[in-house]
Amino acid sequence: MIPTCKHTAELLSQSQDRSLSLPEKTRLHLHLLLCVGCRNFNRQLEFMRAALRRYRDRD
């Protein structure tokens, strides 16, 4: 079963802190293939994470 956008957002957030299981990764990948809104949300998370990393490492 392909997760809802709400569940996908939770998985994307959790993936920043832990490794997702293979079934979670598969469902997430399928949803991202179909949902432009969640792909955009994923890009935003990646952008924020990279910005925070650059800020942390700037010194």
PDB file of N, CA and C in Angstrom:
ATOM      1  N   MET A   1       0.839  -1.185   0.000  1.00  0.00           N
ATOM      2  CA  MET A   1       0.000   0.000   0.000  1.00  0.00           C
ATOM      3  C   MET A   1       0.887   1.252   0.000  1.00  0.00           C
ATOM      4  N   ILE A   2       0.544   2.213  -0.837  1.00  0.00           N
ATOM      5  CA  ILE A   2       1.285   3.475  -0.927  1.00  0.00           C
ATOM      6  C   ILE A   2       0.809   4.387   0.205  1.00  0.00           C
ATOM      7  N   PRO A   3       1.732   4.970   0.977  1.00  0.00           N
ATOM      8  CA  PRO A   3       1.336   5.803   2.115  1.00  0.00           C
ATOM      9  C   PRO A   3       0.680   7.118   1.680  1.00  0.00           C
ATOM     10  N   THR A   4      -0.066   7.696   2.593  1.00  0.00           N
ATOM     11  CA  THR A   4      -0.669   9.003   2.366  1.00  0.00           C
ATOM     12  C   THR A   4       0.416  10.075   2.419  1.00  0.00           C
ATOM     13  N   CYS A   5       0.047  11.287   2.023  1.00  0.00           N
ATOM     14  CA  CYS A   5       1.001  12.401   2.097  1.00  0.00           C
ATOM     15  C   CYS A   5       1.422  12.641   3.550  1.00  0.00           C
ATOM     16  N   LYS A   6       0.486  12.526   4.473  1.00  0.00           N
ATOM     17  CA  LYS A   6       0.813  12.736   5.886  1.00  0.00           C
ATOM     18  C   LYS A   6       1.833  11.699   6.352  1.00  0.00           C
ATOM     19  N   HIS A   7       1.603  10.444   6.023  1.00  0.00           N
ATOM     20  CA  HIS A   7       2.533   9.388   6.423  1.00  0.00           C
ATOM     21  C   HIS A   7       3.877   9.564   5.722  1.00  0.00           C
ATOM     22  N   THR A   8       3.853   9.993   4.472  1.00  0.00           N
ATOM     23  CA  THR A   8       5.089  10.231   3.732  1.00  0.00           C
ATOM     24  C   THR A   8       5.908  11.337   4.387  1.00  0.00           C
ATOM     25  N   ALA A   9       5.246  12.413   4.803  1.00  0.00           N
ATOM     26  CA  ALA A   9       5.949  13.509   5.485  1.00  0.00           C
ATOM     27  C   ALA A   9       6.597  13.002   6.772  1.00  0.00           C
ATOM     28  N   GLU A  10       5.883  12.144   7.498  1.00  0.00           N
ATOM     29  CA  GLU A  10       6.454  11.569   8.722  1.00  0.00           C
ATOM     30  C   GLU A  10       7.671  10.710   8.399  1.00  0.00           C
ATOM     31  N   LEU A  11       7.570   9.881   7.362  1.00  0.00           N
ATOM     32  CA  LEU A  11       8.703   9.036   6.979  1.00  0.00           C
ATOM     33  C   LEU A  11       9.895   9.867   6.528  1.00  0.00           C
ATOM     34  N   LEU A  12       9.639  10.928   5.772  1.00  0.00           N
ATOM     35  CA  LEU A  12      10.734  11.794   5.332  1.00  0.00           C
ATOM     36  C   LEU A  12      11.434  12.427   6.532  1.00  0.00           C
ATOM     37  N   SER A  13      10.653  12.873   7.496  1.00  0.00           N
ATOM     38  CA  SER A  13      11.241  13.458   8.703  1.00  0.00           C
ATOM     39  C   SER A  13      12.018  12.412   9.491  1.00  0.00           C
ATOM     40  N   GLN A  14      11.435  11.230   9.645  1.00  0.00           N
ATOM     41  CA  GLN A  14      12.106  10.166  10.394  1.00  0.00           C
ATOM     42  C   GLN A  14      13.380   9.711   9.705  1.00  0.00           C
ATOM     43  N   SER A  15      13.395   9.764   8.384  1.00  0.00           N
ATOM     44  CA  SER A  15      14.576   9.303   7.654  1.00  0.00           C
ATOM     45  C   SER A  15      15.795  10.177   7.930  1.00  0.00           C
ATOM     46  N   GLN A  16      15.578  11.380   8.459  1.00  0.00           N
ATOM     47  CA  GLN A  16      16.688  12.251   8.836  1.00  0.00           C
ATOM     48  C   GLN A  16      17.371  11.756  10.114  1.00  0.00           C
ATOM     49  N   ASP A  17      16.629  10.980  10.927  1.00  0.00           N
ATOM     50  CA  ASP A  17      17.125  10.552  12.232  1.00  0.00           C
ATOM     51  C   ASP A  17      17.416   9.062  12.343  1.00  0.00           C
ATOM     52  N   ARG A  18      16.855   8.277  11.443  1.00  0.00           N
ATOM     53  CA  ARG A  18      17.052   6.825  11.532  1.00  0.00           C
ATOM     54  C   ARG A  18      17.006   6.216  10.137  1.00  0.00           C
ATOM     55  N   SER A  19      17.506   5.001  10.038  1.00  0.00           N
ATOM     56  CA  SER A  19      17.416   4.267   8.775  1.00  0.00           C
ATOM     57  C   SER A  19      16.021   3.680   8.654  1.00  0.00           C
ATOM     58  N   LEU A  20      15.422   3.869   7.504  1.00  0.00           N
ATOM     59  CA  LEU A  20      14.106   3.298   7.265  1.00  0.00           C
ATOM     60  C   LEU A  20      14.254   1.832   6.869  1.00  0.00           C
ATOM     61  N   SER A  21      13.234   1.041   7.187  1.00  0.00           N
ATOM     62  CA  SER A  21      13.229  -0.362   6.780  1.00  0.00           C
ATOM     63  C   SER A  21      13.016  -0.433   5.268  1.00  0.00           C
ATOM     64  N   LEU A  22      13.307  -1.577   4.689  1.00  0.00           N
ATOM     65  CA  LEU A  22      13.121  -1.753   3.252  1.00  0.00           C
ATOM     66  C   LEU A  22      11.667  -1.509   2.824  1.00  0.00           C
ATOM     67  N   PRO A  23      10.672  -2.047   3.546  1.00  0.00           N
ATOM     68  CA  PRO A  23       9.284  -1.751   3.162  1.00  0.00           C
ATOM     69  C   PRO A  23       8.952  -0.253   3.254  1.00  0.00           C
ATOM     70  N   GLU A  24       9.473   0.427   4.263  1.00  0.00           N
ATOM     71  CA  GLU A  24       9.244   1.866   4.389  1.00  0.00           C
ATOM     72  C   GLU A  24       9.871   2.615   3.219  1.00  0.00           C
ATOM     73  N   LYS A  25      11.105   2.253   2.873  1.00  0.00           N
ATOM     74  CA  LYS A  25      11.796   2.898   1.757  1.00  0.00           C
ATOM     75  C   LYS A  25      11.042   2.679   0.453  1.00  0.00           C
ATOM     76  N   THR A  26      10.538   1.475   0.258  1.00  0.00           N
ATOM     77  CA  THR A  26       9.812   1.152  -0.968  1.00  0.00           C
ATOM     78  C   THR A  26       8.532   1.957  -1.073  1.00  0.00           C
ATOM     79  N   ARG A  27       7.747   1.987   0.007  1.00  0.00           N
ATOM     80  CA  ARG A  27       6.501   2.760  -0.003  1.00  0.00           C
ATOM     81  C   ARG A  27       6.788   4.243  -0.207  1.00  0.00           C
ATOM     82  N   LEU A  28       7.819   4.734   0.450  1.00  0.00           N
ATOM     83  CA  LEU A  28       8.196   6.136   0.317  1.00  0.00           C
ATOM     84  C   LEU A  28       8.582   6.455  -1.130  1.00  0.00           C
ATOM     85  N   HIS A  29       9.406   5.619  -1.716  1.00  0.00           N
ATOM     86  CA  HIS A  29       9.844   5.819  -3.092  1.00  0.00           C
ATOM     87  C   HIS A  29       8.646   5.824  -4.054  1.00  0.00           C
ATOM     88  N   LEU A  30       7.736   4.880  -3.883  1.00  0.00           N
ATOM     89  CA  LEU A  30       6.558   4.828  -4.746  1.00  0.00           C
ATOM     90  C   LEU A  30       5.717   6.091  -4.618  1.00  0.00           C
ATOM     91  N   HIS A  31       5.527   6.544  -3.385  1.00  0.00           N
ATOM     92  CA  HIS A  31       4.721   7.751  -3.180  1.00  0.00           C
ATOM     93  C   HIS A  31       5.403   8.961  -3.819  1.00  0.00           C
ATOM     94  N   LEU A  32       6.711   9.074  -3.648  1.00  0.00           N
ATOM     95  CA  LEU A  32       7.429  10.215  -4.219  1.00  0.00           C
ATOM     96  C   LEU A  32       7.392  10.210  -5.749  1.00  0.00           C
ATOM     97  N   LEU A  33       7.331   9.028  -6.348  1.00  0.00           N
ATOM     98  CA  LEU A  33       7.199   8.953  -7.804  1.00  0.00           C
ATOM     99  C   LEU A  33       5.868   9.544  -8.269  1.00  0.00           C
ATOM    100  N   LEU A  34       4.836   9.411  -7.443  1.00  0.00           N
ATOM    101  CA  LEU A  34       3.488   9.809  -7.833  1.00  0.00           C
ATOM    102  C   LEU A  34       3.074  11.197  -7.353  1.00  0.00           C
ATOM    103  N   CYS A  35       3.735  11.742  -6.359  1.00  0.00           N
ATOM    104  CA  CYS A  35       3.238  12.954  -5.693  1.00  0.00           C
ATOM    105  C   CYS A  35       4.245  14.101  -5.773  1.00  0.00           C
ATOM    106  N   VAL A  36       3.920  15.093  -6.583  1.00  0.00           N
ATOM    107  CA  VAL A  36       4.815  16.245  -6.742  1.00  0.00           C
ATOM    108  C   VAL A  36       4.899  17.063  -5.450  1.00  0.00           C
ATOM    109  N   GLY A  37       3.829  17.140  -4.693  1.00  0.00           N
ATOM    110  CA  GLY A  37       3.842  17.896  -3.446  1.00  0.00           C
ATOM    111  C   GLY A  37       4.828  17.319  -2.444  1.00  0.00           C
ATOM    112  N   CYS A  38       4.850  16.009  -2.326  1.00  0.00           N
ATOM    113  CA  CYS A  38       5.784  15.368  -1.393  1.00  0.00           C
ATOM    114  C   CYS A  38       7.217  15.431  -1.906  1.00  0.00           C
ATOM    115  N   ARG A  39       7.395  15.390  -3.231  1.00  0.00           N
ATOM    116  CA  ARG A  39       8.759  15.583  -3.779  1.00  0.00           C
ATOM    117  C   ARG A  39       9.262  16.982  -3.435  1.00  0.00           C
ATOM    118  N   ASN A  40       8.395  17.973  -3.545  1.00  0.00           N
ATOM    119  CA  ASN A  40       8.784  19.339  -3.173  1.00  0.00           C
ATOM    120  C   ASN A  40       9.121  19.425  -1.695  1.00  0.00           C
ATOM    121  N   PHE A  41       8.307  18.800  -0.843  1.00  0.00           N
ATOM    122  CA  PHE A  41       8.563  18.792   0.594  1.00  0.00           C
ATOM    123  C   PHE A  41       9.913  18.134   0.879  1.00  0.00           C
ATOM    124  N   ASN A  42      10.209  17.045   0.190  1.00  0.00           N
ATOM    125  CA  ASN A  42      11.484  16.358   0.373  1.00  0.00           C
ATOM    126  C   ASN A  42      12.646  17.263  -0.016  1.00  0.00           C
ATOM    127  N   ARG A  43      12.519  17.978  -1.132  1.00  0.00           N
ATOM    128  CA  ARG A  43      13.579  18.916  -1.548  1.00  0.00           C
ATOM    129  C   ARG A  43      13.762  20.023  -0.501  1.00  0.00           C
ATOM    130  N   GLN A  44      12.668  20.499   0.071  1.00  0.00           N
ATOM    131  CA  GLN A  44      12.754  21.536   1.105  1.00  0.00           C
ATOM    132  C   GLN A  44      13.487  21.006   2.337  1.00  0.00           C
ATOM    133  N   LEU A  45      13.180  19.785   2.750  1.00  0.00           N
ATOM    134  CA  LEU A  45      13.888  19.190   3.886  1.00  0.00           C
ATOM    135  C   LEU A  45      15.379  19.060   3.592  1.00  0.00           C
ATOM    136  N   GLU A  46      15.705  18.596   2.389  1.00  0.00           N
ATOM    137  CA  GLU A  46      17.109  18.450   2.016  1.00  0.00           C
ATOM    138  C   GLU A  46      17.824  19.798   1.996  1.00  0.00           C
ATOM    139  N   PHE A  47      17.153  20.837   1.497  1.00  0.00           N
ATOM    140  CA  PHE A  47      17.731  22.175   1.463  1.00  0.00           C
ATOM    141  C   PHE A  47      18.007  22.681   2.883  1.00  0.00           C
ATOM    142  N   MET A  48      17.029  22.516   3.767  1.00  0.00           N
ATOM    143  CA  MET A  48      17.208  22.985   5.148  1.00  0.00           C
ATOM    144  C   MET A  48      18.316  22.226   5.854  1.00  0.00           C
ATOM    145  N   ARG A  49      18.387  20.928   5.626  1.00  0.00           N
ATOM    146  CA  ARG A  49      19.438  20.133   6.260  1.00  0.00           C
ATOM    147  C   ARG A  49      20.818  20.577   5.767  1.00  0.00           C
ATOM    148  N   ALA A  50      20.948  20.812   4.464  1.00  0.00           N
ATOM    149  CA  ALA A  50      22.227  21.253   3.907  1.00  0.00           C
ATOM    150  C   ALA A  50      22.593  22.649   4.426  1.00  0.00           C
ATOM    151  N   ALA A  51      21.604  23.544   4.530  1.00  0.00           N
ATOM    152  CA  ALA A  51      21.866  24.893   5.038  1.00  0.00           C
ATOM    153  C   ALA A  51      22.324  24.842   6.488  1.00  0.00           C
ATOM    154  N   LEU A  52      21.673  24.014   7.283  1.00  0.00           N
ATOM    155  CA  LEU A  52      22.071  23.882   8.692  1.00  0.00           C
ATOM    156  C   LEU A  52      23.468  23.289   8.821  1.00  0.00           C
ATOM    157  N   ARG A  53      23.797  22.358   7.965  1.00  0.00           N
ATOM    158  CA  ARG A  53      25.133  21.754   7.989  1.00  0.00           C
ATOM    159  C   ARG A  53      26.183  22.790   7.619  1.00  0.00           C
ATOM    160  N   ARG A  54      25.899  23.612   6.569  1.00  0.00           N
ATOM    161  CA  ARG A  54      26.850  24.665   6.191  1.00  0.00           C
ATOM    162  C   ARG A  54      27.004  25.685   7.319  1.00  0.00           C
ATOM    163  N   TYR A  55      25.925  26.034   7.979  1.00  0.00           N
ATOM    164  CA  TYR A  55      25.977  26.981   9.087  1.00  0.00           C
ATOM    165  C   TYR A  55      26.827  26.416  10.225  1.00  0.00           C
ATOM    166  N   ARG A  56      26.610  25.141  10.541  1.00  0.00           N
ATOM    167  CA  ARG A  56      27.356  24.494  11.621  1.00  0.00           C
ATOM    168  C   ARG A  56      28.843  24.432  11.293  1.00  0.00           C
ATOM    169  N   ASP A  57      29.173  24.189  10.035  1.00  0.00           N
ATOM    170  CA  ASP A  57      30.558  23.968   9.637  1.00  0.00           C
ATOM    171  C   ASP A  57      31.269  25.226   9.158  1.00  0.00           C
ATOM    172  N   ARG A  58      30.660  26.368   9.268  1.00  0.00           N
ATOM    173  CA  ARG A  58      31.233  27.594   8.697  1.00  0.00           C
ATOM    174  C   ARG A  58      32.493  28.059   9.408  1.00  0.00           C
ATOM    175  N   ASP A  59      32.710  27.674  10.640  1.00  0.00           N
ATOM    176  CA  ASP A  59      33.906  28.128  11.363  1.00  0.00           C
ATOM    177  C   ASP A  59      35.054  27.225  11.137  1.00  0.00           C
TER     178      ASP A  59
END
